[in-house]
Amino acid sequence: MAEWLPLTEVVSRPGLADRPVARVRGAVLGRPAFVAGVQAWRAAFAAVPGERVALYFEDTFVFACALFGAWHAGKHVSLPGDTQAATLARLLPTVDACAGDLPGALLPRPDAPHVPLAPLDPWRTGLAVHTSGSSGEPLSIAKALAQLDAEMHTLQAAFGALLDACGPARVFATVSHQHIYGLLFHALWPLAAGRVLEAERLPYPETMADQLGDGPAVLITSPAHLKRLPDTLDWAAARAGLVAVFSSGGPLSPEAAASSLVLLGRSPIEVFGSSETGGIAWRQRAVHGDRWTALPGIQWRADGDGHLAVQSGHLPDAHWYNTADLVEPDGDGFVLRGRADRIVKIEEKRVSLTAMEQALLAGGDLAEARVIALPGDRPRLAVVGVPTAAGRVRLDQGKRVLNDHLREQLLQVVERVALPRRFRYVDHLPTNAQGKTPLATLQALFRATQPVPDWQLREALKAVARLDVHADLLPFEGHFPGTPLLPGVVQIDWAVDFGRQCFPVPRRFLRLDALKFQRPVLPGMQVDLTLTWRPADRVLGFSYVSEEGTHASGSVVFGADDDA
């Protein structure tokens, strides 16, 4: 087992010249290369005024050099989670210099003379990670080095023996060190424990299957990656090389956990926590099921409503921290029961619904907006909006025009994977007797399986309904991915259902006659459904026609309800 280094002495501790640090493009770099990198970045940061610097790197080794270089230059570090325009607009005015993939980035100074480096002050040294708060305003969460070091000791106490049982392990990751989970597990913990960190992230399952076999190996990943592991790849080498798989960012489904165990040979160790609290608890579904167990040194409690509070060295003080998580005690642990705030996780990315609503209103096309999460196995976001006059102009050009415009606005605050898939536009938000808009009422707007008919004609034997076939209709889901079209069976079902609203159509179906599908009905189309009723023959005729021509036609023959 390698000598343990507190984070305050990762660079300043003398000796240890043979200690490996990282593998970069196939070559293992030792501590001398790391210290040289830190010195080069320290010189660059020391040459600029101000105390706050921002870092954004893809390469974890270069990131670690720049991070410790900034700290040894006396700088406080900000770590943006992405480089989107809205993120940079908030970040850049708050910092004095940038490095990495950020505007005006500094470059290291490898030719600068090295200076003696003293241990870092654990409470004067720190960084800030960025996320979204329940108010919708992004939060900058400060972390003192003492907090980060305490978490290193927690992780080592909980899992160090497992990781070191087969000798020094190499640490691979599919997640970014710009976020607290990747920062702790992929960058800082390997530096403290003397494990080799892989500088490049594993971008694809094929790369994972190829490289994880060169063990012993540790994989730092997330549910978003684990649930997409294909069973068509040969995972035999990975199963032989892996000693542990860590997952965080959201609960791992039982199906994904079971599949990961089969493919990777390890039950993923899930770590539950947040940017604010650090790690709180852990579990392995194959052993613990839904129950989470507190990490070493973490105290927790739940109030009468199930709100979780924690106390640990990962926090800035000894006070209890009230989270937005709801839990139910279960033996010596707890089961998660959801969140009490308006932060949701889409593909393991925290998304503030409030921030999205503010972005929609700021664009000027909506007077009111509600972003909601639709129920289901996989969280999906939807928007209910009241268009302004400007929004109505876009809507008159087609619903897709307004939808796409609003999605472009939202890309300023969320990543593409978190964009809402469904939209509803109303004259006013629905309210209950108390004047409030219940979530269930908004969710009900998205369960439509057919459009609302605009009846152009309703006579005894003939009716014409104008249908706005919007893209959010349930029949379009999965039919077909990338090229949605209205299923023929749905067109028949609509004809029968709308026919029964106009005529005394019997319940007993006999057959279909003269059925023709000539043109596909696509999302966003407006079609006229013409219905005719021949009572003597009990035949309902139908045709779907748009400005493009006839889409489908046919007859539905019914038997008398009193026929045997």
Protein backbone atom coordinates (compact mmCIF):
# COMPACT_ATOMS: atom_id res chain seq x y z
CA MET A 1 0.00 0.00 0.00
CA ALA A 2 1.34 3.44 -0.96
CA GLU A 3 1.99 6.08 1.68
CA TRP A 4 -1.10 8.14 2.43
CA LEU A 5 -0.75 11.87 1.76
CA PRO A 6 -3.07 14.47 3.23
CA LEU A 7 -4.27 16.85 0.52
CA THR A 8 -2.34 19.64 2.20
CA GLU A 9 0.92 17.77 1.44
CA VAL A 10 0.20 16.10 -1.89
CA VAL A 11 2.82 18.36 -3.52
CA SER A 12 4.94 19.60 -0.63
CA ARG A 13 5.84 16.24 0.99
CA PRO A 14 9.55 15.62 0.18
CA GLY A 15 10.77 12.49 -1.53
CA LEU A 16 8.46 9.86 -3.05
CA ALA A 17 10.11 10.24 -6.45
CA ASP A 18 9.05 6.73 -7.48
CA ARG A 19 5.37 7.31 -6.65
CA PRO A 20 3.22 6.96 -9.79
CA VAL A 21 0.52 9.58 -10.30
CA ALA A 22 -1.20 9.28 -13.68
CA ARG A 23 -1.26 7.53 -16.99
CA VAL A 24 -1.32 9.97 -19.90
CA ARG A 25 -1.70 8.62 -23.42
CA GLY A 26 -0.35 5.26 -22.37
CA ALA A 27 2.66 6.51 -20.35
CA VAL A 28 2.73 6.44 -16.56
CA LEU A 29 3.89 9.77 -15.11
CA GLY A 30 5.39 9.86 -11.64
CA ARG A 31 5.41 12.40 -8.89
CA PRO A 32 8.32 14.43 -10.34
CA ALA A 33 6.27 15.14 -13.47
CA PHE A 34 3.28 16.07 -11.32
CA VAL A 35 5.31 18.44 -9.12
CA ALA A 36 6.84 20.03 -12.23
CA GLY A 37 3.37 20.57 -13.64
CA VAL A 38 2.17 22.14 -10.40
CA GLN A 39 5.19 24.47 -10.36
CA ALA A 40 4.54 25.57 -13.96
CA TRP A 41 0.93 26.40 -13.20
CA ARG A 42 1.83 28.02 -9.88
CA ALA A 43 4.14 30.40 -11.73
CA ALA A 44 1.40 31.26 -14.24
CA PHE A 45 -1.19 32.01 -11.56
CA ALA A 46 1.24 33.89 -9.34
CA ALA A 47 1.92 36.30 -12.19
CA VAL A 48 -1.69 37.53 -12.39
CA PRO A 49 -3.42 39.80 -9.87
CA GLY A 50 -6.54 38.86 -7.99
CA GLU A 51 -7.47 35.90 -5.83
CA ARG A 52 -10.08 33.99 -7.83
CA VAL A 53 -9.38 31.79 -10.85
CA ALA A 54 -11.57 29.44 -12.88
CA LEU A 55 -10.44 26.07 -14.24
CA TYR A 56 -12.02 23.87 -16.89
CA PHE A 57 -10.03 20.96 -18.33
CA GLU A 58 -10.86 17.65 -19.98
CA ASP A 59 -7.54 16.00 -19.01
CA THR A 60 -7.61 15.04 -15.32
CA PHE A 61 -3.82 15.06 -14.89
CA VAL A 62 -3.46 18.57 -16.34
CA PHE A 63 -6.44 19.61 -14.23
CA ALA A 64 -4.79 18.29 -11.04
CA CYS A 65 -1.57 20.15 -11.86
CA ALA A 66 -3.47 23.39 -12.47
CA LEU A 67 -5.62 22.96 -9.36
CA PHE A 68 -2.70 22.48 -6.98
CA GLY A 69 -0.71 25.11 -8.87
CA ALA A 70 -3.49 27.64 -8.25
CA TRP A 71 -3.72 26.64 -4.60
CA HIS A 72 0.03 26.99 -4.08
CA ALA A 73 -0.18 30.43 -5.73
CA GLY A 74 -2.68 31.43 -3.05
CA LYS A 75 -5.71 31.43 -5.36
CA HIS A 76 -9.26 30.37 -4.67
CA VAL A 77 -10.53 28.13 -7.47
CA SER A 78 -13.93 28.06 -9.21
CA LEU A 79 -14.91 24.92 -11.10
CA PRO A 80 -17.71 25.50 -13.62
CA GLY A 81 -19.64 22.37 -14.48
CA ASP A 82 -19.80 23.28 -18.18
CA THR A 83 -18.84 25.99 -20.64
CA GLN A 84 -22.32 27.01 -21.80
CA ALA A 85 -22.93 30.67 -22.55
CA ALA A 86 -25.12 31.26 -19.49
CA THR A 87 -22.55 29.58 -17.24
CA LEU A 88 -19.75 31.75 -18.56
CA ALA A 89 -21.86 34.89 -18.29
CA ARG A 90 -22.26 34.22 -14.56
CA LEU A 91 -18.74 32.94 -13.98
CA LEU A 92 -16.39 35.30 -15.79
CA PRO A 93 -17.30 38.50 -13.90
CA THR A 94 -16.54 36.71 -10.62
CA VAL A 95 -12.98 35.57 -11.41
CA ASP A 96 -9.70 37.31 -12.15
CA ALA A 97 -8.17 34.68 -14.46
CA CYS A 98 -9.03 31.48 -16.28
CA ALA A 99 -7.20 28.35 -17.38
CA GLY A 100 -8.08 25.46 -19.64
CA ASP A 101 -11.00 25.58 -22.08
CA LEU A 102 -12.17 29.03 -20.98
CA PRO A 103 -11.90 32.48 -22.61
CA GLY A 104 -8.54 34.21 -22.18
CA ALA A 105 -7.02 31.11 -20.61
CA LEU A 106 -3.58 31.31 -19.02
CA LEU A 107 -0.83 28.94 -20.07
CA PRO A 108 1.58 27.16 -17.72
CA ARG A 109 5.13 28.45 -17.42
CA PRO A 110 7.33 25.34 -17.46
CA ASP A 111 10.53 27.40 -17.72
CA ALA A 112 9.84 29.35 -14.53
CA PRO A 113 12.15 28.53 -11.60
CA HIS A 114 10.77 26.16 -9.00
CA VAL A 115 10.14 27.59 -5.55
CA PRO A 116 9.91 25.77 -2.21
CA LEU A 117 6.32 24.71 -1.57
CA ALA A 118 4.95 24.62 1.98
CA PRO A 119 1.95 22.53 3.06
CA LEU A 120 -1.35 24.16 2.15
CA ASP A 121 -3.49 25.78 4.84
CA PRO A 122 -6.52 23.47 5.14
CA TRP A 123 -9.01 26.24 5.90
CA ARG A 124 -7.60 29.11 3.83
CA THR A 125 -7.31 26.91 0.74
CA GLY A 126 -10.43 25.92 -1.13
CA LEU A 127 -12.56 25.86 -4.23
CA ALA A 128 -16.13 26.35 -5.35
CA VAL A 129 -18.21 23.92 -7.36
CA HIS A 130 -21.24 25.20 -9.19
CA THR A 131 -24.72 23.77 -9.40
CA SER A 132 -28.34 24.97 -9.35
CA GLY A 133 -30.34 25.78 -6.22
CA SER A 134 -34.00 25.36 -5.52
CA SER A 135 -34.57 29.09 -6.08
CA GLY A 136 -33.44 28.70 -9.66
CA GLU A 137 -30.34 30.82 -9.11
CA PRO A 138 -27.10 28.84 -9.57
CA LEU A 139 -25.29 28.09 -6.37
CA SER A 140 -21.56 28.48 -5.83
CA ILE A 141 -20.74 25.96 -3.13
CA ALA A 142 -17.50 26.68 -1.28
CA LYS A 143 -15.38 23.77 -0.11
CA ALA A 144 -12.39 24.25 2.16
CA LEU A 145 -9.47 21.88 1.65
CA ALA A 146 -10.14 20.59 5.16
CA GLN A 147 -13.59 19.40 4.04
CA LEU A 148 -12.20 17.71 0.96
CA ASP A 149 -9.45 16.06 3.01
CA ALA A 150 -12.01 14.79 5.52
CA GLU A 151 -13.90 13.16 2.66
CA MET A 152 -10.69 11.49 1.49
CA HIS A 153 -10.35 9.85 4.88
CA THR A 154 -14.02 8.80 4.78
CA LEU A 155 -13.66 7.14 1.39
CA GLN A 156 -10.43 5.42 2.35
CA ALA A 157 -11.95 4.11 5.58
CA ALA A 158 -14.99 2.77 3.75
CA PHE A 159 -13.44 1.36 0.59
CA GLY A 160 -9.65 1.63 0.73
CA ALA A 161 -9.04 -1.99 1.73
CA LEU A 162 -11.20 -3.20 -1.15
CA LEU A 163 -9.38 -1.07 -3.71
CA ASP A 164 -5.90 -2.03 -2.48
CA ALA A 165 -6.53 -5.74 -1.95
CA CYS A 166 -5.00 -6.69 -5.30
CA GLY A 167 -2.20 -4.12 -5.33
CA PRO A 168 -2.12 -0.54 -6.66
CA ALA A 169 -5.22 0.05 -8.77
CA ARG A 170 -5.62 2.32 -11.77
CA VAL A 171 -8.62 4.63 -11.57
CA PHE A 172 -10.73 5.07 -14.70
CA ALA A 173 -13.70 7.43 -15.04
CA THR A 174 -16.59 8.18 -17.35
CA VAL A 175 -17.52 11.30 -15.33
CA SER A 176 -15.94 14.75 -15.17
CA HIS A 177 -13.70 16.05 -12.39
CA GLN A 178 -15.43 19.45 -12.80
CA HIS A 179 -18.22 18.11 -10.57
CA ILE A 180 -17.80 17.12 -6.95
CA TYR A 181 -18.14 13.35 -7.52
CA GLY A 182 -15.48 13.14 -10.22
CA LEU A 183 -13.29 15.64 -8.38
CA LEU A 184 -13.24 13.52 -5.24
CA PHE A 185 -13.11 10.04 -6.72
CA HIS A 186 -11.06 10.51 -9.89
CA ALA A 187 -8.68 13.35 -9.00
CA LEU A 188 -8.15 13.86 -5.27
CA TRP A 189 -8.55 10.38 -3.81
CA PRO A 190 -5.99 8.78 -6.17
CA LEU A 191 -3.50 11.56 -5.39
CA ALA A 192 -3.92 11.02 -1.65
CA ALA A 193 -3.83 7.22 -1.81
CA GLY A 194 -1.09 6.76 -4.42
CA ARG A 195 -3.28 5.18 -7.09
CA VAL A 196 -2.73 5.88 -10.77
CA LEU A 197 -5.43 8.05 -12.29
CA GLU A 198 -6.24 7.72 -15.97
CA ALA A 199 -6.00 11.22 -17.44
CA GLU A 200 -8.56 10.65 -20.19
CA ARG A 201 -12.17 9.76 -19.57
CA LEU A 202 -13.58 6.58 -21.08
CA PRO A 203 -15.93 7.94 -23.76
CA TYR A 204 -17.54 4.75 -25.07
CA PRO A 205 -18.47 1.28 -23.82
CA GLU A 206 -16.06 -0.17 -26.40
CA THR A 207 -13.21 1.77 -24.77
CA MET A 208 -14.32 0.58 -21.35
CA ALA A 209 -14.35 -3.06 -22.41
CA ASP A 210 -10.90 -2.68 -23.94
CA GLN A 211 -9.08 -0.76 -21.19
CA LEU A 212 -10.62 -2.02 -17.95
CA GLY A 213 -9.01 -5.41 -18.46
CA ASP A 214 -5.59 -3.94 -17.73
CA GLY A 215 -6.19 -4.28 -14.00
CA PRO A 216 -6.42 -4.05 -11.15
CA ALA A 217 -8.82 -1.28 -12.12
CA VAL A 218 -11.44 0.92 -10.46
CA LEU A 219 -14.27 2.46 -12.50
CA ILE A 220 -15.83 5.78 -11.47
CA THR A 221 -19.08 6.08 -13.40
CA SER A 222 -22.77 6.94 -13.20
CA PRO A 223 -26.18 5.36 -13.81
CA ALA A 224 -26.38 7.11 -17.18
CA HIS A 225 -23.39 5.07 -18.35
CA LEU A 226 -24.12 1.81 -16.56
CA LYS A 227 -27.66 1.49 -17.86
CA ARG A 228 -26.38 1.70 -21.45
CA LEU A 229 -23.72 -1.02 -21.30
CA PRO A 230 -24.33 -3.28 -24.31
CA ASP A 231 -24.27 -7.01 -23.72
CA THR A 232 -22.99 -7.50 -27.27
CA LEU A 233 -19.44 -6.52 -26.24
CA ASP A 234 -16.91 -8.93 -24.75
CA TRP A 235 -16.61 -7.86 -21.10
CA ALA A 236 -14.55 -10.85 -19.97
CA ALA A 237 -11.32 -8.86 -19.61
CA ALA A 238 -13.09 -6.08 -17.69
CA ARG A 239 -14.61 -8.62 -15.32
CA ALA A 240 -11.15 -9.99 -14.62
CA GLY A 241 -9.54 -6.58 -14.14
CA LEU A 242 -12.09 -4.64 -12.13
CA VAL A 243 -11.87 -4.59 -8.34
CA ALA A 244 -14.64 -2.02 -7.81
CA VAL A 245 -17.24 0.00 -9.69
CA PHE A 246 -18.54 3.24 -8.17
CA SER A 247 -21.72 4.97 -9.29
CA SER A 248 -23.16 8.31 -8.21
CA GLY A 249 -25.27 11.14 -9.56
CA GLY A 250 -28.60 9.38 -9.09
CA PRO A 251 -30.06 6.05 -7.94
CA LEU A 252 -29.15 3.07 -10.08
CA SER A 253 -32.19 1.08 -11.14
CA PRO A 254 -32.40 -2.57 -10.05
CA GLU A 255 -32.25 -3.63 -13.71
CA ALA A 256 -29.10 -1.58 -14.43
CA ALA A 257 -27.47 -2.80 -11.21
CA ALA A 258 -28.17 -6.42 -12.08
CA SER A 259 -26.94 -5.97 -15.65
CA SER A 260 -23.75 -4.26 -14.45
CA LEU A 261 -23.06 -7.14 -12.07
CA VAL A 262 -23.38 -9.64 -14.92
CA LEU A 263 -21.33 -7.68 -17.45
CA LEU A 264 -18.66 -6.16 -15.18
CA GLY A 265 -18.51 -8.84 -12.52
CA ARG A 266 -18.95 -6.30 -9.73
CA SER A 267 -22.05 -5.01 -8.00
CA PRO A 268 -21.75 -1.21 -8.35
CA ILE A 269 -21.08 0.67 -5.13
CA GLU A 270 -23.56 3.54 -5.22
CA VAL A 271 -22.64 6.67 -3.28
CA PHE A 272 -25.42 9.05 -2.28
CA GLY A 273 -24.69 12.68 -1.53
CA SER A 274 -24.70 16.15 -3.03
CA SER A 275 -22.40 19.02 -3.89
CA GLU A 276 -23.43 20.66 -0.62
CA THR A 277 -22.99 17.68 1.68
CA GLY A 278 -20.39 15.52 -0.01
CA GLY A 279 -20.89 11.79 0.41
CA ILE A 280 -23.61 10.70 2.84
CA ALA A 281 -24.30 7.00 2.35
CA TRP A 282 -23.62 3.99 0.16
CA ARG A 283 -25.15 0.72 -0.97
CA GLN A 284 -24.74 -2.25 -3.28
CA ARG A 285 -28.10 -3.35 -4.62
CA ALA A 286 -27.01 -6.97 -4.80
CA VAL A 287 -26.41 -6.85 -1.02
CA HIS A 288 -28.55 -4.04 0.41
CA GLY A 289 -31.45 -3.67 -2.00
CA ASP A 290 -32.96 -0.19 -1.65
CA ARG A 291 -31.37 0.54 1.76
CA TRP A 292 -28.59 3.10 2.10
CA THR A 293 -25.99 2.87 4.89
CA ALA A 294 -24.23 5.97 6.22
CA LEU A 295 -20.56 6.35 5.36
CA PRO A 296 -18.06 6.24 8.25
CA GLY A 297 -18.33 9.34 10.44
CA ILE A 298 -21.66 10.50 8.97
CA GLN A 299 -24.52 11.16 11.36
CA TRP A 300 -28.05 11.39 10.00
CA ARG A 301 -31.59 11.86 11.20
CA ALA A 302 -35.06 12.30 9.70
CA ASP A 303 -37.81 14.54 11.02
CA GLY A 304 -41.47 13.60 11.20
CA ASP A 305 -42.01 14.41 7.53
CA GLY A 306 -39.00 12.39 6.43
CA HIS A 307 -36.66 15.31 5.66
CA LEU A 308 -33.07 14.11 5.90
CA ALA A 309 -30.49 16.04 7.95
CA VAL A 310 -26.79 15.16 8.16
CA GLN A 311 -23.77 16.06 10.26
CA SER A 312 -20.23 15.29 9.11
CA GLY A 313 -16.70 16.53 8.59
CA HIS A 314 -17.58 17.09 4.93
CA LEU A 315 -19.59 20.15 5.97
CA PRO A 316 -18.10 23.55 6.85
CA ASP A 317 -19.11 23.30 10.51
CA ALA A 318 -20.51 20.90 13.09
CA HIS A 319 -24.12 22.00 12.63
CA TRP A 320 -26.80 19.72 11.23
CA TYR A 321 -27.44 20.32 7.52
CA ASN A 322 -31.04 19.94 6.34
CA THR A 323 -31.19 18.43 2.87
CA ALA A 324 -34.09 18.46 0.40
CA ASP A 325 -34.17 14.66 0.38
CA LEU A 326 -37.02 12.64 1.84
CA VAL A 327 -36.13 9.34 3.51
CA GLU A 328 -37.73 6.50 5.41
CA PRO A 329 -35.65 4.80 8.15
CA ASP A 330 -34.95 1.14 7.41
CA GLY A 331 -32.98 -0.80 10.01
CA ASP A 332 -29.62 0.90 10.48
CA GLY A 333 -30.05 2.85 7.23
CA PHE A 334 -32.72 4.53 5.17
CA VAL A 335 -34.61 4.35 1.88
CA LEU A 336 -34.87 7.42 -0.33
CA ARG A 337 -38.40 8.68 -1.00
CA GLY A 338 -37.70 11.58 -3.39
CA ARG A 339 -36.90 15.28 -3.08
CA ALA A 340 -38.84 18.08 -1.48
CA ASP A 341 -37.56 20.89 -3.71
CA ARG A 342 -37.78 21.70 -7.40
CA ILE A 343 -34.50 20.17 -8.46
CA VAL A 344 -34.85 17.11 -10.66
CA LYS A 345 -32.23 14.86 -12.18
CA ILE A 346 -32.32 14.14 -15.89
CA GLU A 347 -29.66 11.65 -16.96
CA GLU A 348 -27.88 12.33 -13.64
CA LYS A 349 -27.71 16.06 -14.31
CA ARG A 350 -29.29 18.35 -11.75
CA VAL A 351 -31.82 20.64 -13.40
CA SER A 352 -33.61 23.54 -11.73
CA LEU A 353 -37.19 23.79 -12.93
CA THR A 354 -37.35 27.33 -11.57
CA ALA A 355 -34.30 28.40 -13.58
CA MET A 356 -35.86 26.96 -16.73
CA GLU A 357 -39.10 28.84 -16.10
CA GLN A 358 -37.19 32.08 -15.62
CA ALA A 359 -35.34 31.52 -18.90
CA LEU A 360 -38.62 30.92 -20.74
CA LEU A 361 -40.21 34.08 -19.35
CA ALA A 362 -37.11 36.15 -20.11
CA GLY A 363 -37.42 35.29 -23.81
CA GLY A 364 -40.64 37.27 -24.17
CA ASP A 365 -42.73 34.56 -25.87
CA LEU A 366 -44.49 33.31 -22.73
CA ALA A 367 -46.38 35.35 -20.16
CA GLU A 368 -46.55 32.39 -17.77
CA ALA A 369 -44.62 29.14 -17.77
CA ARG A 370 -44.51 25.98 -15.71
CA VAL A 371 -41.86 23.31 -16.22
CA ILE A 372 -42.87 19.99 -14.73
CA ALA A 373 -41.58 16.45 -14.53
CA LEU A 374 -43.92 13.89 -16.03
CA PRO A 375 -44.43 10.63 -14.14
CA GLY A 376 -42.82 7.49 -15.45
CA ASP A 377 -39.81 5.21 -15.13
CA ARG A 378 -37.55 7.76 -16.82
CA PRO A 379 -38.00 11.44 -15.82
CA ARG A 380 -39.15 13.66 -18.69
CA LEU A 381 -39.72 17.39 -18.62
CA ALA A 382 -42.66 19.24 -20.10
CA VAL A 383 -43.69 22.88 -20.43
CA VAL A 384 -47.11 24.47 -19.97
CA GLY A 385 -47.05 28.02 -21.28
CA VAL A 386 -49.32 31.00 -21.82
CA PRO A 387 -48.08 32.71 -25.01
CA THR A 388 -47.65 36.47 -25.24
CA ALA A 389 -48.63 38.35 -28.41
CA ALA A 390 -45.15 37.67 -29.76
CA GLY A 391 -45.48 34.02 -28.82
CA ARG A 392 -48.82 33.81 -30.62
CA VAL A 393 -47.17 35.07 -33.79
CA ARG A 394 -44.70 32.19 -33.65
CA LEU A 395 -47.44 29.74 -32.70
CA ASP A 396 -49.47 30.79 -35.74
CA GLN A 397 -46.50 29.71 -37.85
CA GLY A 398 -46.76 26.26 -36.35
CA LYS A 399 -46.37 24.77 -32.91
CA ARG A 400 -42.99 23.34 -33.83
CA VAL A 401 -41.71 26.85 -34.58
CA LEU A 402 -42.46 28.03 -31.06
CA ASN A 403 -41.29 24.76 -29.49
CA ASP A 404 -37.92 24.94 -31.22
CA HIS A 405 -37.49 28.62 -30.35
CA LEU A 406 -38.12 27.93 -26.65
CA ARG A 407 -35.73 24.97 -26.68
CA GLU A 408 -33.01 27.25 -28.06
CA GLN A 409 -33.62 29.66 -25.17
CA LEU A 410 -33.36 26.83 -22.66
CA LEU A 411 -29.97 25.74 -24.04
CA GLN A 412 -28.58 28.80 -22.28
CA VAL A 413 -29.32 27.22 -18.89
CA VAL A 414 -29.47 23.44 -19.41
CA GLU A 415 -27.74 20.86 -21.54
CA ARG A 416 -29.51 19.39 -24.55
CA VAL A 417 -30.19 16.08 -22.80
CA ALA A 418 -32.37 17.93 -20.25
CA LEU A 419 -34.52 19.87 -22.74
CA PRO A 420 -38.30 19.42 -22.40
CA ARG A 421 -39.77 16.99 -24.89
CA ARG A 422 -43.38 18.12 -24.69
CA PHE A 423 -45.17 21.48 -24.74
CA ARG A 424 -48.74 22.66 -24.14
CA TYR A 425 -49.98 26.18 -24.82
CA VAL A 426 -53.05 27.43 -23.01
CA ASP A 427 -54.90 30.72 -22.64
CA HIS A 428 -54.38 30.60 -18.88
CA LEU A 429 -52.90 28.18 -16.37
CA PRO A 430 -55.52 25.90 -14.82
CA THR A 431 -56.30 26.63 -11.18
CA ASN A 432 -58.26 24.96 -8.40
CA ALA A 433 -60.69 26.50 -5.95
CA GLN A 434 -57.80 27.92 -3.94
CA GLY A 435 -56.41 29.68 -7.00
CA LYS A 436 -53.42 27.35 -7.19
CA THR A 437 -52.19 25.24 -10.08
CA PRO A 438 -51.89 21.62 -8.90
CA LEU A 439 -49.11 19.56 -10.42
CA ALA A 440 -51.53 16.73 -11.19
CA THR A 441 -53.67 19.12 -13.24
CA LEU A 442 -50.68 20.17 -15.31
CA GLN A 443 -49.57 16.58 -15.79
CA ALA A 444 -53.04 15.65 -17.01
CA LEU A 445 -52.58 18.00 -19.96
CA PHE A 446 -49.96 15.63 -21.34
CA ARG A 447 -51.91 12.42 -21.35
CA ALA A 448 -53.79 13.16 -24.59
CA THR A 449 -54.10 10.22 -26.95
CA GLN A 450 -56.04 12.18 -29.56
CA PRO A 451 -56.51 15.84 -30.52
CA VAL A 452 -59.51 17.87 -29.48
CA PRO A 453 -61.88 17.88 -32.50
CA ASP A 454 -62.87 21.22 -33.98
CA TRP A 455 -66.22 20.29 -35.50
CA GLN A 456 -66.78 21.94 -38.85
CA LEU A 457 -70.01 20.01 -39.53
CA ARG A 458 -72.25 17.77 -37.44
CA GLU A 459 -75.36 16.42 -39.15
CA ALA A 460 -77.42 13.28 -38.75
CA LEU A 461 -75.44 11.28 -41.29
CA LYS A 462 -72.27 13.29 -41.81
CA ALA A 463 -69.69 15.07 -39.67
CA VAL A 464 -66.37 16.81 -40.31
CA ALA A 465 -63.79 17.36 -37.57
CA ARG A 466 -60.65 19.45 -38.02
CA LEU A 467 -57.80 17.87 -36.09
CA ASP A 468 -54.53 19.51 -35.07
CA VAL A 469 -52.28 16.45 -34.91
CA HIS A 470 -49.66 17.85 -32.55
CA ALA A 471 -46.36 16.12 -31.96
CA ASP A 472 -47.03 15.58 -28.24
CA LEU A 473 -49.79 13.03 -28.80
CA LEU A 474 -49.08 9.77 -27.06
CA PRO A 475 -49.41 7.60 -30.22
CA PHE A 476 -46.29 9.23 -31.69
CA GLU A 477 -44.07 7.97 -28.85
CA GLY A 478 -41.84 5.26 -30.26
CA HIS A 479 -43.57 5.17 -33.67
CA PHE A 480 -40.97 5.58 -34.99
CA PRO A 481 -37.84 6.97 -33.27
CA GLY A 482 -36.52 9.83 -35.38
CA THR A 483 -39.32 9.63 -37.96
CA PRO A 484 -42.63 9.80 -36.08
CA LEU A 485 -45.88 9.10 -37.94
CA LEU A 486 -49.41 8.39 -36.82
CA PRO A 487 -50.10 4.63 -36.70
CA GLY A 488 -52.85 3.40 -38.98
CA VAL A 489 -54.58 1.55 -36.16
CA VAL A 490 -54.77 4.86 -34.26
CA GLN A 491 -56.41 6.55 -37.23
CA ILE A 492 -59.08 3.84 -37.26
CA ASP A 493 -59.54 4.15 -33.51
CA TRP A 494 -59.99 7.92 -33.77
CA ALA A 495 -62.56 7.51 -36.55
CA VAL A 496 -64.60 5.09 -34.45
CA ASP A 497 -64.30 7.16 -31.29
CA PHE A 498 -65.27 10.45 -32.96
CA GLY A 499 -67.97 8.61 -34.93
CA ARG A 500 -69.56 7.45 -31.70
CA GLN A 501 -69.66 11.08 -30.55
CA CYS A 502 -71.85 11.91 -33.58
CA PHE A 503 -73.83 8.79 -34.50
CA PRO A 504 -75.47 5.80 -32.75
CA VAL A 505 -72.63 3.45 -33.68
CA PRO A 506 -73.11 -0.06 -32.22
CA ARG A 507 -70.49 -1.54 -29.94
CA ARG A 508 -69.98 -4.80 -31.85
CA PHE A 509 -67.25 -4.60 -34.50
CA LEU A 510 -67.47 -6.88 -37.55
CA ARG A 511 -64.84 -5.92 -40.13
CA LEU A 512 -62.97 -3.24 -42.07
CA ASP A 513 -63.74 -2.62 -45.74
CA ALA A 514 -61.85 -0.75 -48.49
CA LEU A 515 -59.13 0.32 -46.10
CA LYS A 516 -56.43 2.47 -47.74
CA PHE A 517 -53.47 4.35 -46.29
CA GLN A 518 -52.16 6.68 -49.00
CA ARG A 519 -50.04 9.28 -47.17
CA PRO A 520 -48.55 9.32 -43.69
CA VAL A 521 -50.00 11.64 -41.08
CA LEU A 522 -47.05 13.47 -39.56
CA PRO A 523 -46.69 15.51 -36.35
CA GLY A 524 -47.83 19.09 -36.74
CA MET A 525 -50.30 18.40 -39.54
CA GLN A 526 -53.87 19.66 -39.62
CA VAL A 527 -56.26 17.15 -41.14
CA ASP A 528 -60.00 17.04 -41.72
CA LEU A 529 -61.66 13.81 -40.67
CA THR A 530 -64.88 13.27 -42.63
CA LEU A 531 -67.28 10.74 -41.15
CA THR A 532 -70.39 9.29 -42.81
CA TRP A 533 -73.00 7.03 -41.23
CA ARG A 534 -75.19 4.50 -43.08
CA PRO A 535 -77.57 3.29 -40.38
CA ALA A 536 -79.30 0.62 -42.46
CA ASP A 537 -75.98 -1.15 -43.10
CA ARG A 538 -74.38 -0.06 -39.83
CA VAL A 539 -71.33 1.24 -41.75
CA LEU A 540 -69.15 4.12 -40.60
CA GLY A 541 -67.13 5.63 -43.42
CA PHE A 542 -64.11 7.82 -42.80
CA SER A 543 -61.42 9.73 -44.64
CA TYR A 544 -58.48 11.86 -43.48
CA VAL A 545 -57.68 14.75 -45.84
CA SER A 546 -55.20 17.62 -45.58
CA GLU A 547 -53.91 20.21 -48.00
CA GLU A 548 -51.53 17.51 -49.21
CA GLY A 549 -54.40 15.22 -50.24
CA THR A 550 -56.07 12.12 -48.86
CA HIS A 551 -54.12 10.30 -46.15
CA ALA A 552 -56.41 7.38 -45.34
CA SER A 553 -59.95 6.16 -45.96
CA GLY A 554 -62.13 3.15 -45.33
CA SER A 555 -65.30 1.78 -43.80
CA VAL A 556 -65.95 0.12 -40.46
CA VAL A 557 -68.81 -2.38 -40.41
CA PHE A 558 -70.64 -3.07 -37.15
CA GLY A 559 -73.12 -5.67 -36.04
CA ALA A 560 -76.30 -4.89 -34.19
CA ASP A 561 -75.82 -4.84 -30.44
CA ASP A 562 -78.63 -7.40 -29.99
CA ASP A 563 -77.19 -9.85 -32.61
CA ALA A 564 -76.23 -13.25 -31.24
